[in-house]
Amino acid sequence: MIKIIVRAAGSPNGDALKAAIFQRLHPRTYLERFLAEGVRPDGRDLDEWRSIELNVGSISTANGSALVKLGQTTIVCGVKAEIAEPELDCEEEGFLVPNIDLPALCSPKFKPGPPSEEAQVLSERLNQTLFEGPSSIISRKSLCIEPGKAVWTLYIDATVINYDGNAFDAAVLAMVCALRNSTLPYATYNPETNRTICTRPNTNPDKPAMHLKQLMDEGNLKQPMAFSFGVVHYSSPETDPRPLILPDPTSFEEPLLETTLTVVLNSTGQLVNVEQIGASVPLDGTLMGSTDDIDLASRCIAMAKKRFEELEGTRKKIQAISD
């Protein structure tokens, strides 16, 4: 016998089903109805951020690792070190190779197969933010073992195991924490055998291991943090369409945004860069809840610095990470 259960339209399960169908068919209207009430679909206030959780050292086979949760977005990152020959025009510089993977298991929006375009763009953004130019969190010269002969290559691989938006901010945290948790063995180059010999960490006090957190503390960025904002034009019954800033957008909100701004601050809260991703929209105009013209980038920077101060406990935890 097959039982057919018909739920009343006004039951909690029936209302939830209708809301889910409406969200799927009319996502923009669904979002605007929440914004009209001063909240977001996940229950946050309009200017509220999601919580951050982090853990390090969970991958025993890596030189360092970290697990970071930003709301429901979860990323695991591992650092693996190998010895390689340097490039001819950079004989004293090692290699830093960041990569992020968005597998199909983390979200229905991603498909099996080669790296998606979004993953490639994220990897390039992470490389530009953390490892390129004079503001690299680790100096490539500090990875030199023997000029022209041997250098360290660090593979910083992050995998998103649950995707709920704003993967860039979470990946920056995961890579910073994994690097601070990393240790490289003491290495010496033998010119007679043309080989590099490594000594296991903590086995010989005369051959100390290299702790990457010490190298990071000597740099300019030390432990940078990224803060991303979505910009959407929303019109209330009383006003014309105006730009509204949504910090830390979710995977549902991201496709509905006109543009995304990311603010990167260094360990002292100083501005490193501001990056705009997506459609180019004017970054000035009157914000929702404001009567004055204001530059959106300036407002995002101010909100990022405020959030930076609120994360003092998290920043101290990152600073205290040991290998």
Protein backbone atom coordinates (compact mmCIF):
# COMPACT_ATOMS: atom_id res chain seq x y z
CA MET A 1 0.00 0.00 0.00
CA ILE A 2 1.26 3.47 -0.91
CA LYS A 3 0.39 6.31 1.39
CA ILE A 4 0.03 9.79 -0.02
CA ILE A 5 0.40 12.57 2.48
CA VAL A 6 -1.03 15.95 1.55
CA ARG A 7 0.10 18.79 3.78
CA ALA A 8 -2.01 21.83 4.41
CA ALA A 9 -0.87 24.89 2.50
CA GLY A 10 -0.50 26.85 5.70
CA SER A 11 1.66 24.25 7.48
CA PRO A 12 5.30 25.13 8.31
CA ASN A 13 6.62 22.58 5.79
CA GLY A 14 4.25 23.84 3.11
CA ASP A 15 5.29 27.46 3.67
CA ALA A 16 8.97 26.52 3.56
CA LEU A 17 8.43 24.67 0.27
CA LYS A 18 6.64 27.64 -1.27
CA ALA A 19 9.44 29.97 -0.11
CA ALA A 20 12.09 27.67 -1.60
CA ILE A 21 10.27 27.52 -4.94
CA PHE A 22 9.81 31.29 -4.99
CA GLN A 23 13.50 31.81 -4.17
CA ARG A 24 14.52 29.59 -7.07
CA LEU A 25 12.14 31.12 -9.61
CA HIS A 26 12.42 34.77 -8.58
CA PRO A 27 15.74 35.22 -6.74
CA ARG A 28 15.94 38.99 -7.25
CA THR A 29 12.45 39.64 -5.89
CA TYR A 30 13.12 37.20 -3.06
CA LEU A 31 16.24 39.17 -2.06
CA GLU A 32 14.52 42.55 -2.34
CA ARG A 33 11.70 41.48 -0.06
CA PHE A 34 14.23 40.69 2.66
CA LEU A 35 16.11 43.95 2.07
CA ALA A 36 12.84 45.84 2.44
CA GLU A 37 12.64 44.45 5.99
CA GLY A 38 16.24 45.44 6.79
CA VAL A 39 17.55 41.86 6.89
CA ARG A 40 19.25 39.42 4.55
CA PRO A 41 18.02 35.97 3.48
CA ASP A 42 20.34 34.20 5.96
CA GLY A 43 18.98 36.26 8.88
CA ARG A 44 21.84 38.75 9.18
CA ASP A 45 21.43 42.49 9.45
CA LEU A 46 22.34 44.38 6.28
CA ASP A 47 25.81 45.29 7.58
CA GLU A 48 26.47 42.11 9.56
CA TRP A 49 29.40 39.74 8.95
CA ARG A 50 29.51 35.99 9.41
CA SER A 51 31.54 34.33 12.17
CA ILE A 52 35.04 32.96 11.62
CA GLU A 53 36.45 29.66 12.92
CA LEU A 54 39.96 28.37 12.31
CA ASN A 55 42.09 25.38 13.18
CA VAL A 56 45.68 24.49 12.19
CA GLY A 57 47.86 21.41 11.89
CA SER A 58 45.14 18.96 10.88
CA ILE A 59 47.03 17.50 7.86
CA SER A 60 49.99 15.51 9.19
CA THR A 61 51.50 14.87 5.74
CA ALA A 62 51.85 18.59 4.93
CA ASN A 63 54.51 21.03 6.11
CA GLY A 64 51.65 23.13 7.46
CA SER A 65 47.88 23.25 7.20
CA ALA A 66 44.77 25.14 8.26
CA LEU A 67 41.00 24.76 8.23
CA VAL A 68 38.91 27.94 8.05
CA LYS A 69 35.15 28.41 8.25
CA LEU A 70 33.57 31.70 7.22
CA GLY A 71 29.91 31.16 7.98
CA GLN A 72 29.16 27.96 6.06
CA THR A 73 32.04 28.43 3.60
CA THR A 74 34.73 25.93 4.62
CA ILE A 75 38.26 25.75 3.19
CA VAL A 76 41.16 23.46 4.02
CA CYS A 77 44.67 24.51 2.99
CA GLY A 78 47.93 22.59 2.99
CA VAL A 79 51.51 23.69 2.32
CA LYS A 80 53.94 21.30 0.68
CA ALA A 81 57.63 22.13 0.21
CA GLU A 82 59.93 20.77 -2.49
CA ILE A 83 63.47 21.59 -3.59
CA ALA A 84 64.00 22.90 -7.12
CA GLU A 85 66.52 24.72 -9.25
CA PRO A 86 66.00 28.50 -9.43
CA GLU A 87 65.39 30.40 -12.62
CA LEU A 88 68.51 31.72 -14.38
CA ASP A 89 67.53 35.38 -14.00
CA CYS A 90 66.47 34.93 -10.31
CA GLU A 91 69.16 32.71 -8.87
CA GLU A 92 68.42 33.63 -5.24
CA GLU A 93 64.63 33.41 -5.33
CA GLY A 94 62.39 30.47 -4.49
CA PHE A 95 58.89 29.79 -5.76
CA LEU A 96 55.45 30.38 -4.22
CA VAL A 97 52.65 28.54 -6.03
CA PRO A 98 49.13 29.19 -4.68
CA ASN A 99 46.13 27.30 -5.99
CA ILE A 100 42.49 26.92 -4.99
CA ASP A 101 40.20 24.09 -6.03
CA LEU A 102 36.40 24.32 -6.27
CA PRO A 103 35.35 20.67 -6.57
CA ALA A 104 31.87 19.54 -7.45
CA LEU A 105 31.32 18.25 -3.91
CA CYS A 106 31.43 21.76 -2.41
CA SER A 107 28.43 23.17 -4.30
CA PRO A 108 25.97 22.18 -7.04
CA LYS A 109 27.15 25.20 -9.08
CA PHE A 110 30.50 23.52 -9.80
CA LYS A 111 30.91 20.56 -12.15
CA PRO A 112 33.47 17.72 -12.24
CA GLY A 113 36.39 18.14 -14.60
CA PRO A 114 39.27 20.59 -15.09
CA PRO A 115 39.54 23.72 -12.93
CA SER A 116 36.67 26.09 -13.55
CA GLU A 117 37.19 29.65 -14.71
CA GLU A 118 36.14 30.88 -11.27
CA ALA A 119 38.83 28.72 -9.61
CA GLN A 120 41.49 30.04 -11.99
CA VAL A 121 40.46 33.65 -11.35
CA LEU A 122 40.51 33.07 -7.59
CA SER A 123 43.98 31.50 -7.77
CA GLU A 124 45.31 34.47 -9.73
CA ARG A 125 43.74 36.95 -7.31
CA LEU A 126 45.29 35.13 -4.35
CA ASN A 127 48.68 35.14 -6.07
CA GLN A 128 48.48 38.86 -6.81
CA THR A 129 47.30 39.73 -3.29
CA LEU A 130 49.60 37.55 -1.20
CA PHE A 131 52.68 36.63 -3.19
CA GLU A 132 53.43 39.16 -5.94
CA GLY A 133 55.61 42.26 -5.73
CA PRO A 134 57.34 43.83 -2.74
CA SER A 135 54.30 43.23 -0.51
CA SER A 136 54.57 39.42 -0.69
CA ILE A 137 53.89 37.84 2.70
CA ILE A 138 57.08 35.79 2.28
CA SER A 139 60.21 37.04 0.55
CA ARG A 140 61.22 34.70 -2.25
CA LYS A 141 64.88 35.33 -1.40
CA SER A 142 64.33 33.82 2.06
CA LEU A 143 63.59 30.51 0.29
CA CYS A 144 67.07 30.27 -1.24
CA ILE A 145 69.22 27.33 -0.16
CA GLU A 146 72.17 27.89 -2.51
CA PRO A 147 72.16 30.66 -5.15
CA GLY A 148 71.82 29.25 -8.63
CA LYS A 149 71.63 25.68 -7.33
CA ALA A 150 68.74 24.99 -4.97
CA VAL A 151 65.71 26.85 -3.63
CA TRP A 152 62.48 25.94 -1.88
CA THR A 153 59.23 25.70 -3.81
CA LEU A 154 56.10 26.11 -1.67
CA TYR A 155 52.83 24.74 -3.02
CA ILE A 156 49.96 26.39 -1.16
CA ASP A 157 46.90 24.35 -2.10
CA ALA A 158 43.45 25.28 -0.82
CA THR A 159 40.33 23.19 -1.36
CA VAL A 160 36.81 24.45 -0.75
CA ILE A 161 34.86 21.64 0.91
CA ASN A 162 31.67 23.67 1.37
CA TYR A 163 30.88 26.76 -0.70
CA ASP A 164 28.52 29.44 0.58
CA GLY A 165 30.03 32.55 -0.99
CA ASN A 166 33.00 34.85 -0.37
CA ALA A 167 35.61 32.14 -0.93
CA PHE A 168 38.34 34.75 -1.47
CA ASP A 169 38.25 36.13 2.09
CA ALA A 170 38.21 32.62 3.54
CA ALA A 171 41.05 31.47 1.26
CA VAL A 172 43.26 34.40 2.28
CA LEU A 173 42.78 33.44 5.93
CA ALA A 174 43.38 29.74 5.20
CA MET A 175 46.60 30.38 3.28
CA VAL A 176 47.95 32.81 5.89
CA CYS A 177 47.21 30.38 8.73
CA ALA A 178 48.63 27.37 6.86
CA LEU A 179 51.87 29.22 6.09
CA ARG A 180 52.23 30.37 9.69
CA ASN A 181 51.85 26.73 10.72
CA SER A 182 54.56 25.55 8.29
CA THR A 183 58.10 24.41 9.04
CA LEU A 184 60.87 23.65 6.55
CA PRO A 185 63.75 21.31 7.42
CA TYR A 186 67.30 22.62 7.64
CA ALA A 187 68.80 22.23 4.16
CA THR A 188 72.39 22.47 2.89
CA TYR A 189 73.75 22.12 -0.62
CA ASN A 190 76.75 19.86 -1.23
CA PRO A 191 78.68 21.11 -4.30
CA GLU A 192 80.69 17.88 -4.54
CA THR A 193 77.66 15.64 -4.96
CA ASN A 194 75.42 18.36 -6.43
CA ARG A 195 72.73 17.41 -3.93
CA THR A 196 70.78 19.10 -1.19
CA ILE A 197 70.69 17.40 2.20
CA CYS A 198 67.81 18.01 4.62
CA THR A 199 67.83 17.43 8.37
CA ARG A 200 64.61 16.45 10.12
CA PRO A 201 63.26 19.22 12.36
CA ASN A 202 64.06 18.98 16.08
CA THR A 203 66.73 16.29 15.60
CA ASN A 204 69.85 18.47 15.65
CA PRO A 205 69.98 21.75 17.62
CA ASP A 206 72.86 22.93 15.42
CA LYS A 207 70.64 22.64 12.34
CA PRO A 208 67.41 24.45 13.24
CA ALA A 209 64.32 24.21 11.09
CA MET A 210 62.94 27.23 9.23
CA HIS A 211 59.67 28.51 10.70
CA LEU A 212 57.70 30.38 8.05
CA LYS A 213 55.84 32.47 10.62
CA GLN A 214 59.15 34.14 11.45
CA LEU A 215 59.69 34.99 7.78
CA MET A 216 56.14 36.37 7.57
CA ASP A 217 56.64 38.57 10.63
CA GLU A 218 59.66 40.14 8.92
CA GLY A 219 57.60 41.21 5.89
CA ASN A 220 55.27 44.13 5.28
CA LEU A 221 51.96 42.26 5.24
CA LYS A 222 52.65 39.77 8.07
CA GLN A 223 49.06 38.45 8.35
CA PRO A 224 46.80 40.30 5.89
CA MET A 225 43.03 40.04 5.95
CA ALA A 226 40.55 40.52 3.10
CA PHE A 227 37.07 42.00 3.41
CA SER A 228 34.65 41.67 0.48
CA PHE A 229 31.49 43.64 -0.16
CA GLY A 230 28.68 43.19 -2.65
CA VAL A 231 26.95 46.22 -4.17
CA VAL A 232 23.35 45.95 -5.28
CA HIS A 233 20.99 48.73 -6.41
CA TYR A 234 17.79 48.54 -4.44
CA SER A 235 14.74 50.78 -4.50
CA SER A 236 12.44 51.06 -1.52
CA PRO A 237 8.86 52.31 -1.88
CA GLU A 238 10.02 55.75 -0.73
CA THR A 239 13.23 56.12 -2.78
CA ASP A 240 14.69 55.66 -6.24
CA PRO A 241 17.21 52.85 -6.80
CA ARG A 242 20.32 53.42 -4.71
CA PRO A 243 23.46 51.35 -4.12
CA LEU A 244 23.35 49.13 -1.05
CA ILE A 245 26.48 47.56 0.42
CA LEU A 246 26.25 43.95 1.61
CA PRO A 247 29.41 42.77 3.43
CA ASP A 248 30.49 39.14 3.19
CA PRO A 249 27.99 38.04 0.49
CA THR A 250 26.66 34.48 0.42
CA SER A 251 26.47 32.17 -2.58
CA PHE A 252 22.80 33.13 -3.03
CA GLU A 253 23.57 36.86 -3.02
CA GLU A 254 26.67 36.77 -5.26
CA PRO A 255 24.91 36.23 -8.64
CA LEU A 256 22.54 39.12 -7.87
CA LEU A 257 25.27 41.70 -7.20
CA GLU A 258 26.20 44.43 -9.66
CA THR A 259 29.80 44.38 -8.48
CA THR A 260 32.06 43.20 -5.67
CA LEU A 261 34.72 45.24 -3.86
CA THR A 262 37.49 43.63 -1.85
CA VAL A 263 39.54 45.58 0.68
CA VAL A 264 42.85 44.10 1.87
CA LEU A 265 44.43 45.35 5.09
CA ASN A 266 47.82 44.42 6.56
CA SER A 267 48.46 43.29 10.14
CA THR A 268 48.23 46.85 11.49
CA GLY A 269 44.99 47.70 9.70
CA GLN A 270 46.63 49.79 6.97
CA LEU A 271 45.18 49.66 3.47
CA VAL A 272 47.04 47.42 1.02
CA ASN A 273 44.69 47.52 -1.98
CA VAL A 274 41.11 47.79 -3.15
CA GLU A 275 39.91 45.55 -5.96
CA GLN A 276 36.68 45.69 -7.92
CA ILE A 277 35.38 42.49 -9.50
CA GLY A 278 32.47 42.19 -11.89
CA ALA A 279 30.49 44.74 -13.85
CA SER A 280 31.82 48.28 -13.65
CA VAL A 281 29.34 50.47 -11.79
CA PRO A 282 29.81 54.00 -10.47
CA LEU A 283 31.38 53.92 -7.03
CA ASP A 284 29.79 57.16 -5.92
CA GLY A 285 26.23 58.18 -5.22
CA THR A 286 23.80 58.25 -2.34
CA LEU A 287 23.79 55.10 -0.23
CA MET A 288 20.70 53.53 1.22
CA GLY A 289 20.15 55.00 4.66
CA SER A 290 22.20 58.10 3.83
CA THR A 291 21.30 61.56 2.57
CA ASP A 292 24.78 62.52 1.38
CA ASP A 293 26.75 61.59 -1.69
CA ILE A 294 29.59 59.32 -0.65
CA ASP A 295 32.22 57.27 -2.39
CA LEU A 296 31.35 53.59 -2.12
CA ALA A 297 35.00 52.54 -2.02
CA SER A 298 35.62 54.88 0.93
CA ARG A 299 32.61 53.47 2.77
CA CYS A 300 33.81 49.91 2.15
CA ILE A 301 37.29 50.78 3.45
CA ALA A 302 35.77 52.31 6.59
CA MET A 303 33.58 49.22 7.13
CA ALA A 304 36.57 46.92 6.58
CA LYS A 305 38.66 48.78 9.17
CA LYS A 306 35.79 48.59 11.66
CA ARG A 307 35.50 44.84 11.09
CA PHE A 308 39.28 44.54 11.42
CA GLU A 309 39.08 46.02 14.92
CA GLU A 310 36.21 43.70 15.84
CA LEU A 311 38.37 40.69 14.88
CA GLU A 312 41.07 41.46 17.45
CA GLY A 313 40.60 38.06 19.10
CA THR A 314 40.90 36.25 15.78
CA ARG A 315 43.99 38.26 14.82
CA LYS A 316 45.67 37.37 18.13
CA LYS A 317 44.86 33.72 17.53
CA ILE A 318 46.46 33.89 14.08
CA GLN A 319 49.51 35.66 15.51
CA ALA A 320 49.90 32.91 18.12
CA ILE A 321 49.80 30.04 15.59
CA SER A 322 52.72 27.67 16.09
CA ASP A 323 54.02 24.88 13.91
